[in-house]
Protein backbone atom coordinates (compact mmCIF):
# COMPACT_ATOMS: atom_id res chain seq x y z
CA MET A 1 -0.16 -0.16 -0.13
CA ASN A 2 1.43 3.32 -1.12
CA LEU A 3 0.23 6.62 0.62
CA GLN A 4 3.06 8.89 -0.40
CA ASN A 5 1.33 10.35 -3.07
CA ASN A 6 -2.08 10.64 -1.05
CA ASN A 7 -3.00 12.80 1.67
CA LEU A 8 -5.23 10.47 3.40
CA ASN A 9 -6.44 11.49 6.79
CA PRO A 10 -8.06 8.80 9.33
CA ARG A 11 -10.58 11.50 10.02
CA GLN A 12 -12.08 11.35 6.66
CA TYR A 13 -13.14 7.54 7.54
CA ILE A 14 -14.92 8.91 10.78
CA TYR A 15 -16.92 11.25 8.52
CA THR A 16 -17.97 8.53 6.49
CA LYS A 17 -19.27 6.83 9.78
CA TYR A 18 -21.52 10.08 10.78
CA ALA A 19 -23.11 9.97 7.39
CA PHE A 20 -23.82 6.08 7.81
CA SER A 21 -25.18 6.65 11.35
CA ILE A 22 -27.25 9.56 10.70
CA GLY A 23 -28.78 7.96 7.51
CA TYR A 24 -29.81 5.13 9.69
CA PHE A 25 -30.82 7.28 12.40
CA LEU A 26 -33.31 9.17 9.85
CA LEU A 27 -34.77 5.54 8.73
CA ILE A 28 -35.38 4.71 12.11
CA LEU A 29 -37.05 8.06 12.59
CA ALA A 30 -39.11 7.51 9.64
CA VAL A 31 -40.47 4.34 11.01
CA PHE A 32 -41.22 5.86 14.29
CA LEU A 33 -43.22 8.63 12.73
CA PHE A 34 -45.38 5.82 10.99
CA TYR A 35 -46.85 5.31 14.58
CA LEU A 36 -48.34 8.59 14.64
CA GLY A 37 -50.49 8.15 11.62
CA PRO A 38 -53.65 6.49 12.41
CA PHE A 39 -53.48 7.82 16.29
CA SER A 40 -53.05 11.35 15.45
CA LYS A 41 -55.58 12.29 13.10
CA ASP A 42 -56.85 15.39 14.98
CA LEU A 43 -52.99 16.70 15.68
CA ILE A 44 -51.39 15.87 12.37
CA PRO A 45 -52.90 14.65 9.21
CA ALA A 46 -51.70 11.02 7.94
CA GLU A 47 -50.76 12.71 4.51
CA ASN A 48 -48.42 15.23 6.20
CA ILE A 49 -46.84 12.28 8.17
CA ILE A 50 -46.31 10.27 4.72
CA ILE A 51 -44.98 13.38 3.02
CA THR A 52 -42.66 14.15 5.97
CA ASP A 53 -41.55 10.25 5.93
CA ILE A 54 -40.97 10.71 2.15
CA VAL A 55 -38.76 13.92 2.71
CA ILE A 56 -37.00 11.59 5.51
CA LEU A 57 -36.36 8.71 3.23
CA LEU A 58 -34.92 10.99 0.62
CA ILE A 59 -32.56 12.70 2.81
CA SER A 60 -31.66 9.28 4.41
CA ALA A 61 -30.89 7.94 0.71
CA CYS A 62 -28.65 11.10 0.08
CA LEU A 63 -26.54 10.55 3.10
CA PHE A 64 -26.37 6.93 2.37
CA ILE A 65 -25.11 7.82 -1.39
CA PHE A 66 -22.80 10.02 0.01
CA PHE A 67 -21.41 7.42 2.28
CA PHE A 68 -20.68 4.94 -0.37
CA THR A 69 -19.53 7.47 -2.53
CA LEU A 70 -16.91 9.04 -0.18
CA ARG A 71 -16.11 5.54 1.13
CA PHE A 72 -15.44 4.23 -2.51
CA SER A 73 -13.26 7.44 -2.74
CA LEU A 74 -11.18 6.58 0.18
CA HIS A 75 -10.71 3.12 -0.72
CA LYS A 76 -9.33 4.15 -4.26
CA LYS A 77 -6.95 6.56 -2.82
CA SER A 78 -5.69 4.15 -0.16
CA ASN A 79 -4.66 1.80 -2.75
CA TYR A 80 -6.00 -0.95 -0.24
CA LYS A 81 -6.97 -4.36 -1.71
CA LEU A 82 -9.76 -5.94 -0.17
CA ASN A 83 -9.50 -9.53 0.85
CA ASN A 84 -12.60 -11.96 0.82
CA LYS A 85 -13.56 -11.12 4.50
CA ASP A 86 -13.73 -7.28 3.70
CA LYS A 87 -15.84 -7.95 0.56
CA LYS A 88 -18.10 -10.15 2.21
CA TRP A 89 -18.74 -7.62 4.80
CA TYR A 90 -19.25 -4.92 2.43
CA ILE A 91 -21.83 -7.06 0.75
CA LEU A 92 -23.73 -7.71 4.01
CA THR A 93 -23.45 -4.02 4.74
CA VAL A 94 -25.14 -2.81 1.38
CA SER A 95 -27.56 -5.65 1.33
CA LEU A 96 -28.73 -4.73 4.88
CA VAL A 97 -28.89 -0.96 4.04
CA VAL A 98 -31.09 -2.02 1.03
CA LEU A 99 -33.34 -4.42 2.66
CA SER A 100 -33.79 -1.46 5.48
CA PHE A 101 -34.93 0.81 2.66
CA LEU A 102 -37.30 -1.81 1.20
CA ILE A 103 -38.79 -2.29 4.49
CA VAL A 104 -39.40 1.20 5.00
CA ILE A 105 -40.75 1.82 1.42
CA ILE A 106 -43.13 -1.20 1.82
CA TRP A 107 -44.48 -0.13 5.18
CA LEU A 108 -44.93 3.41 3.63
CA SER A 109 -47.15 2.09 0.58
CA ILE A 110 -49.17 -0.30 3.34
CA VAL A 111 -49.53 2.16 6.21
CA LYS A 112 -53.01 3.47 5.02
CA SER A 113 -54.49 -0.20 4.56
CA VAL A 114 -53.13 -1.82 7.92
CA ASP A 115 -55.84 -2.45 10.42
CA LYS A 116 -55.64 -0.38 13.55
CA ASP A 117 -55.57 -3.40 15.74
CA LYS A 118 -52.39 -4.85 14.11
CA TYR A 119 -50.91 -1.57 13.42
CA LEU A 120 -48.83 -1.50 16.50
CA ILE A 121 -47.83 -5.13 16.07
CA TRP A 122 -46.43 -4.29 12.43
CA TRP A 123 -44.92 -0.88 13.57
CA ILE A 124 -43.04 -2.69 16.51
CA LEU A 125 -41.85 -5.32 14.03
CA SER A 126 -40.67 -2.71 11.68
CA LEU A 127 -39.02 -0.59 14.25
CA VAL A 128 -37.06 -3.42 15.98
CA SER A 129 -35.95 -4.87 12.64
CA ILE A 130 -34.69 -1.63 11.31
CA ALA A 131 -33.09 -1.03 14.54
CA LEU A 132 -31.55 -4.26 14.40
CA MET A 133 -30.28 -4.07 10.85
CA SER A 134 -28.83 -0.72 11.32
CA PHE A 135 -26.90 -2.18 14.27
CA SER A 136 -25.71 -5.01 12.19
CA ALA A 137 -24.89 -2.88 9.22
CA SER A 138 -22.85 -0.73 11.51
CA VAL A 139 -20.89 -3.51 12.86
CA PHE A 140 -20.34 -5.05 9.38
CA GLU A 141 -19.14 -1.58 7.89
CA TYR A 142 -16.61 -1.27 10.82
CA LEU A 143 -15.26 -4.79 9.85
CA ALA A 144 -14.99 -3.95 6.37
CA ARG A 145 -12.96 -0.91 7.01
CA PHE A 146 -11.03 -2.16 9.92
CA ASN A 147 -7.89 -3.34 8.09
CA GLU A 148 -7.87 -0.19 5.74
CA PHE A 149 -8.23 2.03 8.23
CA SER A 150 -5.38 0.92 10.52
CA ILE A 151 -3.01 0.56 7.64
CA VAL A 152 -4.13 4.20 6.60
CA ALA A 153 -3.70 5.45 10.22
CA THR A 154 -0.53 3.86 10.88
CA LYS A 155 0.88 5.28 7.73
CA PHE A 156 -0.46 8.92 8.51
CA GLU A 157 1.22 8.85 12.16
CA VAL A 158 4.42 7.47 10.39
CA LYS A 159 4.40 10.60 8.30
CA ALA A 160 3.21 12.76 10.86
CA ARG A 161 6.11 11.75 12.95
CA GLU A 162 8.69 12.48 10.14
CA ASN A 163 7.33 15.77 9.51
CA ASP A 164 7.57 16.33 13.34
CA LEU A 165 11.11 15.16 13.06
CA VAL A 166 12.16 17.27 9.79
CA ILE A 167 10.53 20.62 11.57
CA ALA A 168 12.42 19.78 14.80
CA GLN A 169 15.39 19.47 12.81
CA GLN A 170 14.53 22.73 11.08
CA TYR A 171 14.32 24.33 14.33
CA SER A 172 17.44 23.25 15.71
CA ALA A 173 19.25 24.12 12.84
CA ASP A 174 17.49 27.56 12.65
CA THR A 175 18.45 28.16 16.54
CA ALA A 176 21.91 27.14 16.11
CA THR A 177 22.26 29.52 13.09
CA ALA A 178 20.74 32.13 15.17
CA GLU A 179 23.05 31.49 18.04
CA ASN A 180 26.07 31.51 15.95
CA ILE A 181 24.80 34.85 14.35
CA PHE A 182 24.47 36.07 18.06
CA ASN A 183 27.63 35.14 19.12
CA SER A 184 29.59 36.59 16.19
CA GLU A 185 27.62 39.62 16.74
CA GLU A 186 28.84 39.72 20.36
CA GLU A 187 32.28 39.11 19.40
CA ASN A 188 32.21 41.90 17.24
CA LEU A 189 30.81 44.12 19.77
CA LYS A 190 33.66 43.04 22.32
CA ASP A 191 36.37 43.59 19.52
CA SER A 192 34.95 47.25 18.81
CA GLU A 193 34.66 47.92 22.50
CA ASP A 194 38.60 46.72 22.98
CA LYS A 195 39.48 48.93 20.03
CA ASN A 196 38.06 51.92 21.51
CA ASP A 197 39.63 51.64 24.93
């Protein structure tokens, strides 16, 4: 793995995790808002909840697209070759994200036709399944990027230490030069004082 031409910072991987987590949080929020549908007709019309859920779903989809695009870009820059385990974790992560979206979309399309007696059961099942899938996908995503992230972090730390060493050497050289200039000026001053005496 060659990182000399790339300025990869391990923090960039953390930004991808934020996008991933917020995307799943919005999916869970969309499912949570479904509960308000039939039980809050006086407060919020069901159509407004469905429109709100569609907007939340679109924002979540944009965050996941951003996540996968940034993740792919970082992977390409790192020149890390995925092993079979990493590929398996990526496939599981993508599958769980797609399955989560499908569950929310199906729930969104049948929400008006679900009987009120069964509504709570379906809502709890959907919420629990999305929460479990978000946790599982998060773990799989972590496992998929672990090796690549650790190599990038190690290379970044080595490069930072080398830069610190160069700066320290430059500082030492500058300090020595400044001391030499100061000492020579001090000697010149003493010589001129001796000449005046």
